[in-house]
N, C-alpha and C. Protein backbone atom coordinates (compact mmCIF):
# COMPACT_ATOMS: atom_id res chain seq x y z
N MET A 1 -110.10 0.06 -58.68
CA MET A 1 -109.66 -0.94 -58.80
C MET A 1 -108.57 -1.56 -59.67
N HIS A 2 -108.80 -0.57 -61.19
CA HIS A 2 -107.88 -0.85 -62.66
C HIS A 2 -106.61 0.11 -62.38
N LYS A 3 -106.44 1.30 -61.41
CA LYS A 3 -105.52 1.75 -61.00
C LYS A 3 -104.09 0.44 -60.11
N VAL A 4 -104.56 -0.36 -59.39
CA VAL A 4 -104.20 -1.17 -58.39
C VAL A 4 -103.33 -1.79 -59.75
N ASP A 5 -104.34 -2.55 -60.26
CA ASP A 5 -103.99 -3.54 -60.85
C ASP A 5 -103.37 -3.21 -62.37
N ASP A 6 -103.09 -1.55 -63.08
CA ASP A 6 -102.13 -1.50 -64.03
C ASP A 6 -100.98 -0.53 -63.20
N GLU A 7 -100.97 -0.88 -61.86
CA GLU A 7 -99.33 -0.69 -61.51
C GLU A 7 -98.58 -2.19 -61.33
N SER A 8 -99.27 -2.66 -61.26
CA SER A 8 -99.05 -3.26 -60.88
C SER A 8 -98.30 -4.52 -62.48
N VAL A 9 -99.27 -4.44 -63.37
CA VAL A 9 -98.67 -4.56 -64.19
C VAL A 9 -97.26 -4.05 -65.44
N ALA A 10 -97.71 -2.64 -64.80
CA ALA A 10 -96.43 -2.28 -64.92
C ALA A 10 -95.20 -2.63 -64.90
N GLU A 11 -95.20 -2.56 -62.96
CA GLU A 11 -93.84 -2.74 -62.78
C GLU A 11 -93.56 -4.55 -62.71
N LYS A 12 -94.47 -5.26 -63.62
CA LYS A 12 -93.44 -5.99 -63.19
C LYS A 12 -92.80 -5.63 -64.91
N LEU A 13 -93.49 -5.33 -65.62
CA LEU A 13 -93.32 -5.52 -67.08
C LEU A 13 -92.16 -5.32 -67.48
N SER A 14 -91.85 -3.27 -66.25
CA SER A 14 -90.80 -3.14 -65.89
C SER A 14 -89.31 -3.87 -65.66
N ASP A 15 -90.20 -4.20 -64.10
CA ASP A 15 -89.04 -5.77 -64.52
C ASP A 15 -88.61 -6.46 -64.74
N VAL A 16 -89.35 -7.13 -65.36
CA VAL A 16 -88.66 -7.93 -67.32
C VAL A 16 -88.25 -7.51 -67.89
N ALA A 17 -88.51 -6.21 -68.23
CA ALA A 17 -87.69 -5.62 -69.02
C ALA A 17 -86.08 -5.41 -68.68
N GLY A 18 -85.64 -4.98 -67.27
CA GLY A 18 -84.79 -5.08 -66.56
C GLY A 18 -83.72 -5.98 -66.64
N LYS A 19 -84.30 -7.13 -66.39
CA LYS A 19 -83.89 -8.31 -65.95
C LYS A 19 -83.57 -9.25 -67.43
N VAL A 20 -84.50 -8.72 -68.90
CA VAL A 20 -83.32 -8.31 -69.72
C VAL A 20 -82.70 -8.01 -69.89
N MET A 21 -82.57 -6.98 -70.73
CA MET A 21 -81.58 -6.07 -70.02
C MET A 21 -79.78 -6.77 -69.79
N ASP A 22 -80.47 -6.43 -68.90
CA ASP A 22 -78.67 -7.22 -67.39
C ASP A 22 -78.75 -8.18 -68.29
N LYS A 23 -79.23 -9.72 -69.43
CA LYS A 23 -79.24 -10.31 -70.06
C LYS A 23 -78.13 -10.13 -71.45
N ALA A 24 -79.02 -8.98 -71.68
CA ALA A 24 -78.57 -8.85 -73.16
C ALA A 24 -77.13 -8.78 -72.45
N SER A 25 -76.95 -7.39 -72.14
CA SER A 25 -75.46 -7.49 -71.72
C SER A 25 -74.32 -8.14 -70.85
N GLU A 26 -75.07 -9.11 -71.01
CA GLU A 26 -74.05 -9.73 -70.05
C GLU A 26 -73.57 -11.37 -71.46
N LEU A 27 -74.72 -11.16 -72.11
CA LEU A 27 -74.41 -12.04 -73.54
C LEU A 27 -73.60 -11.34 -74.40
N ILE A 28 -73.50 -10.21 -74.79
CA ILE A 28 -72.72 -8.91 -74.92
C ILE A 28 -71.72 -9.24 -74.85
N ASP A 29 -71.51 -8.99 -73.58
CA ASP A 29 -69.44 -8.83 -72.56
C ASP A 29 -69.14 -10.82 -72.84
N LYS A 30 -70.05 -11.23 -72.62
CA LYS A 30 -69.40 -12.93 -73.17
C LYS A 30 -68.94 -12.47 -74.66
N LEU A 31 -69.66 -12.45 -75.72
CA LEU A 31 -69.52 -12.39 -77.29
C LEU A 31 -68.19 -11.99 -77.13
N MET A 32 -68.14 -10.43 -76.70
CA MET A 32 -67.18 -9.36 -76.93
C MET A 32 -65.31 -9.88 -76.95
N GLY A 33 -65.70 -10.43 -75.09
CA GLY A 33 -64.60 -11.67 -74.86
C GLY A 33 -64.34 -13.34 -75.68
N ALA A 34 -65.07 -13.43 -76.15
CA ALA A 34 -64.45 -14.52 -76.75
C ALA A 34 -64.14 -13.78 -78.38
N ALA A 35 -64.99 -12.86 -79.33
CA ALA A 35 -63.97 -11.60 -80.30
C ALA A 35 -62.38 -11.49 -80.40
N HIS A 36 -62.25 -11.64 -79.11
CA HIS A 36 -61.41 -11.02 -78.77
C HIS A 36 -59.91 -11.49 -77.92
N THR A 37 -60.30 -12.49 -78.07
CA THR A 37 -59.45 -13.78 -77.77
C THR A 37 -57.91 -13.53 -78.36
N GLU A 38 -56.89 -14.32 -77.85
CA GLU A 38 -55.05 -13.48 -77.43
C GLU A 38 -54.64 -14.86 -78.30
N ARG A 39 -54.08 -14.63 -79.68
CA ARG A 39 -53.84 -15.87 -79.76
C ARG A 39 -52.16 -16.10 -79.92
N SER A 40 -51.46 -17.08 -79.89
CA SER A 40 -50.80 -17.55 -79.76
C SER A 40 -49.62 -16.81 -80.76
N ARG A 41 -48.92 -16.32 -81.20
CA ARG A 41 -47.87 -15.60 -82.16
C ARG A 41 -46.47 -16.27 -82.87
N VAL A 42 -46.62 -17.04 -81.62
CA VAL A 42 -44.84 -17.88 -81.63
C VAL A 42 -45.27 -19.11 -82.95
N SER A 43 -46.14 -19.18 -83.63
CA SER A 43 -46.25 -19.64 -85.41
C SER A 43 -45.55 -18.94 -85.92
N ASP A 44 -46.87 -17.10 -85.79
CA ASP A 44 -46.13 -15.92 -86.59
C ASP A 44 -44.02 -15.85 -86.97
N TYR A 45 -43.70 -15.88 -85.61
CA TYR A 45 -42.32 -15.67 -85.07
C TYR A 45 -41.35 -16.62 -85.92
N THR A 46 -42.04 -18.19 -85.51
CA THR A 46 -40.85 -18.94 -86.61
C THR A 46 -41.17 -19.18 -87.33
N GLY A 47 -41.52 -18.46 -88.32
CA GLY A 47 -42.54 -18.37 -89.59
C GLY A 47 -40.88 -17.01 -90.24
N ALA A 48 -41.14 -16.02 -89.95
CA ALA A 48 -40.70 -15.34 -90.32
C ALA A 48 -39.12 -15.57 -89.94
N LEU A 49 -38.67 -16.05 -88.82
CA LEU A 49 -37.03 -15.85 -88.55
C LEU A 49 -36.74 -17.79 -89.64
N ALA A 50 -37.53 -18.31 -89.99
CA ALA A 50 -37.40 -19.11 -90.49
C ALA A 50 -36.81 -18.83 -91.97
N GLU A 51 -37.71 -18.01 -92.37
CA GLU A 51 -38.04 -17.16 -93.80
C GLU A 51 -36.21 -16.14 -94.69
N ALA A 52 -36.13 -15.36 -93.17
CA ALA A 52 -34.84 -14.57 -92.99
C ALA A 52 -33.49 -15.67 -93.12
N ASN A 53 -34.07 -16.79 -92.48
CA ASN A 53 -32.87 -17.72 -92.59
C ASN A 53 -32.43 -17.87 -94.23
N GLU A 54 -33.47 -19.18 -95.19
CA GLU A 54 -33.07 -19.23 -96.15
C GLU A 54 -32.11 -17.64 -96.78
N GLU A 55 -33.60 -16.32 -96.83
CA GLU A 55 -33.03 -15.17 -96.70
C GLU A 55 -31.46 -15.19 -97.31
N PHE A 56 -30.76 -15.13 -96.28
CA PHE A 56 -29.51 -15.51 -95.11
C PHE A 56 -28.75 -16.09 -96.28
N ALA A 57 -28.69 -17.54 -95.88
CA ALA A 57 -28.30 -18.17 -96.82
C ALA A 57 -28.72 -18.63 -98.12
N LYS A 58 -29.47 -17.75 -98.45
CA LYS A 58 -29.26 -17.42 -100.05
C LYS A 58 -28.10 -16.38 -101.21
N ALA A 59 -27.43 -15.63 -99.78
CA ALA A 59 -27.32 -14.18 -100.05
C ALA A 59 -25.83 -15.59 -99.28
N CYS A 60 -25.57 -15.07 -98.66
CA CYS A 60 -24.05 -16.31 -98.85
C CYS A 60 -24.02 -16.95 -99.34
N ALA A 61 -24.72 -18.11 -100.60
CA ALA A 61 -24.15 -18.69 -101.29
C ALA A 61 -24.12 -17.92 -102.65
N SER A 62 -24.52 -17.22 -102.95
CA SER A 62 -24.54 -15.83 -104.14
C SER A 62 -23.01 -14.83 -103.30
N VAL A 63 -22.36 -14.95 -101.80
CA VAL A 63 -21.47 -14.31 -102.18
C VAL A 63 -19.99 -14.86 -101.98
N ALA A 64 -20.32 -15.99 -101.49
CA ALA A 64 -19.27 -17.47 -101.74
C ALA A 64 -19.47 -17.80 -103.22
N SER A 65 -20.08 -17.80 -104.05
CA SER A 65 -20.31 -18.41 -105.84
C SER A 65 -19.42 -17.07 -106.47
N HIS A 66 -19.51 -15.23 -105.96
CA HIS A 66 -18.65 -15.03 -106.93
C HIS A 66 -16.94 -14.46 -105.53
N HIS A 67 -16.63 -14.90 -104.68
CA HIS A 67 -15.05 -14.57 -104.41
C HIS A 67 -15.00 -16.70 -104.15
N LEU A 68 -14.91 -17.15 -105.49
CA LEU A 68 -14.82 -18.73 -105.60
C LEU A 68 -12.95 -18.83 -104.71
N GLU A 69 -12.59 -17.66 -104.83
CA GLU A 69 -10.72 -17.77 -104.84
C GLU A 69 -10.62 -17.96 -102.63
N GLU A 70 -11.42 -17.38 -102.51
CA GLU A 70 -10.92 -17.62 -101.36
C GLU A 70 -11.89 -18.49 -99.90
N THR A 71 -10.92 -18.79 -99.86
CA THR A 71 -11.06 -20.61 -98.47
C THR A 71 -12.13 -20.23 -97.16
N GLU A 72 -11.59 -18.91 -97.36
CA GLU A 72 -12.30 -18.37 -96.06
C GLU A 72 -13.73 -18.77 -96.41
N ILE A 73 -14.43 -17.81 -97.10
CA ILE A 73 -15.36 -17.50 -97.63
C ILE A 73 -16.52 -18.99 -98.30
N GLN A 74 -15.74 -19.72 -98.72
CA GLN A 74 -16.17 -21.33 -99.52
C GLN A 74 -16.28 -21.89 -98.14
N MET A 75 -14.97 -22.09 -96.68
CA MET A 75 -15.62 -22.99 -95.88
C MET A 75 -16.13 -22.45 -95.45
N GLY A 76 -16.57 -21.25 -95.26
CA GLY A 76 -17.72 -20.89 -94.07
C GLY A 76 -17.55 -20.75 -92.90
N GLY A 77 -15.78 -20.32 -93.19
CA GLY A 77 -15.28 -19.41 -91.67
C GLY A 77 -15.34 -18.32 -92.06
């Protein structure tokens, strides 16, 4: 009778261990999915665009300051 009980306990332990591994795998998948969420990069791009616009405005002002007698440059045309 001991062998039957031992096998039953071993089967139960194996079943429980398999279920624990399945749950752990599911949890890892959920955590990895949450860790790799994509974010919107619109604010990155608009920030880069604003910086580029400021640099362009400075460059235009610099060119205009070197060509004071050129009306087209002074007028922005």
